[in-house]
Amino acid sequence: YLCKPEDNIFNIDFTRFKIRDLETGTVLFEIAKPPNSGPLEGEEESGDVDTSAGRFVRYQFTPAFLKLCTVGATRNTCEHIYEFPKLPDDLS
């Protein structure tokens, strides 16, 4: 996800992404690639395929997101854990 599609020499395919509050287990955001979502018939031959399509996700969280303490971000089966610093009262 941090390289150009043509540089993905190992053909890594992220099929799922989830963000959750680790203290409550609440899922804040989740997206998954539909099963059998390969190229449509005729796409590869035409050369008109945007290889970056579907590589970007835009999400918007409420200000309450900044009050969380620990968030887990899962890509496929690998989870990264982020601990947020406590914000001063004048910023929260």
Protein backbone atom coordinates (compact mmCIF):
# COMPACT_ATOMS: atom_id res chain seq x y z
CA TYR A 1 0.00 0.00 0.00
CA LEU A 2 2.99 2.31 0.24
CA CYS A 3 4.41 1.57 -3.18
CA LYS A 4 3.35 1.92 -6.79
CA PRO A 5 1.45 -1.10 -8.12
CA GLU A 6 4.27 -1.94 -10.54
CA ASP A 7 6.74 -2.05 -7.61
CA ASN A 8 4.68 -4.69 -5.80
CA ILE A 9 6.99 -7.52 -6.93
CA PHE A 10 5.57 -9.95 -4.36
CA ASN A 11 1.99 -9.32 -5.54
CA ILE A 12 0.75 -8.50 -2.03
CA ASP A 13 -2.98 -7.85 -2.04
CA PHE A 14 -4.68 -6.19 0.91
CA THR A 15 -8.12 -7.69 1.12
CA ARG A 16 -9.33 -6.20 4.41
CA PHE A 17 -8.75 -3.13 6.55
CA LYS A 18 -10.27 -2.43 9.95
CA ILE A 19 -9.80 0.22 12.64
CA ARG A 20 -11.11 -0.48 16.13
CA ASP A 21 -11.03 0.89 19.65
CA LEU A 22 -9.02 -1.70 21.57
CA GLU A 23 -10.50 -0.74 24.95
CA THR A 24 -14.11 -1.44 23.97
CA GLY A 25 -13.66 -3.59 20.86
CA THR A 26 -15.84 -1.18 18.89
CA VAL A 27 -15.15 -1.30 15.15
CA LEU A 28 -14.74 2.28 13.95
CA PHE A 29 -14.14 1.53 10.28
CA GLU A 30 -14.03 -1.62 8.20
CA ILE A 31 -13.73 -2.28 4.50
CA ALA A 32 -13.10 -5.50 2.63
CA LYS A 33 -12.44 -6.43 -0.95
CA PRO A 34 -15.39 -8.40 -2.32
CA PRO A 35 -14.66 -12.09 -2.98
CA ASN A 36 -13.72 -12.88 -6.58
CA SER A 37 -13.08 -9.20 -7.28
CA GLY A 38 -10.42 -9.73 -9.93
CA PRO A 39 -10.40 -7.71 -13.14
CA LEU A 40 -13.56 -7.69 -15.19
CA GLU A 41 -13.61 -9.54 -18.46
CA GLY A 42 -11.72 -7.60 -21.11
CA GLU A 43 -10.14 -5.11 -18.65
CA GLU A 44 -6.59 -6.42 -18.91
CA GLU A 45 -6.59 -6.51 -22.70
CA SER A 46 -7.81 -2.96 -23.19
CA GLY A 47 -5.00 -1.29 -21.24
CA ASP A 48 -7.51 1.21 -19.83
CA VAL A 49 -7.28 -0.13 -16.27
CA ASP A 50 -6.33 2.36 -13.56
CA THR A 51 -3.96 0.28 -11.43
CA SER A 52 -4.40 2.71 -8.52
CA ALA A 53 -8.19 2.39 -8.44
CA GLY A 54 -9.30 1.06 -5.08
CA ARG A 55 -5.95 1.71 -3.39
CA PHE A 56 -7.18 4.74 -1.46
CA VAL A 57 -9.76 5.02 1.29
CA ARG A 58 -11.08 8.23 2.76
CA TYR A 59 -12.62 8.14 6.19
CA GLN A 60 -13.81 10.85 8.50
CA PHE A 61 -14.00 10.42 12.25
CA THR A 62 -15.80 12.56 14.80
CA PRO A 63 -13.77 14.55 17.35
CA ALA A 64 -14.44 11.68 19.80
CA PHE A 65 -11.82 9.67 17.87
CA LEU A 66 -9.09 11.87 19.38
CA LYS A 67 -10.24 10.93 22.89
CA LEU A 68 -9.53 7.24 22.36
CA CYS A 69 -6.52 5.73 24.12
CA THR A 70 -5.58 2.72 21.98
CA VAL A 71 -6.57 1.91 18.41
CA GLY A 72 -5.84 -1.19 16.38
CA ALA A 73 -5.49 -1.01 12.61
CA THR A 74 -5.70 -4.41 10.91
CA ARG A 75 -4.60 -5.06 7.33
CA ASN A 76 -5.48 -8.60 6.35
CA THR A 77 -4.18 -10.48 9.43
CA CYS A 78 -1.52 -8.01 10.63
CA GLU A 79 -2.59 -5.60 13.36
CA HIS A 80 -0.76 -2.38 14.23
CA ILE A 81 -1.51 -0.91 17.65
CA TYR A 82 -1.42 2.85 18.17
CA GLU A 83 -1.50 4.45 21.60
CA PHE A 84 -2.73 8.02 21.49
CA PRO A 85 -1.35 10.66 23.86
CA LYS A 86 -3.80 12.39 26.17
CA LEU A 87 -4.72 15.74 24.68
CA PRO A 88 -4.84 18.87 26.84
CA ASP A 89 -8.37 19.90 27.79
CA ASP A 90 -8.20 23.00 25.59
CA LEU A 91 -7.66 20.79 22.51
CA SER A 92 -10.24 18.11 23.22
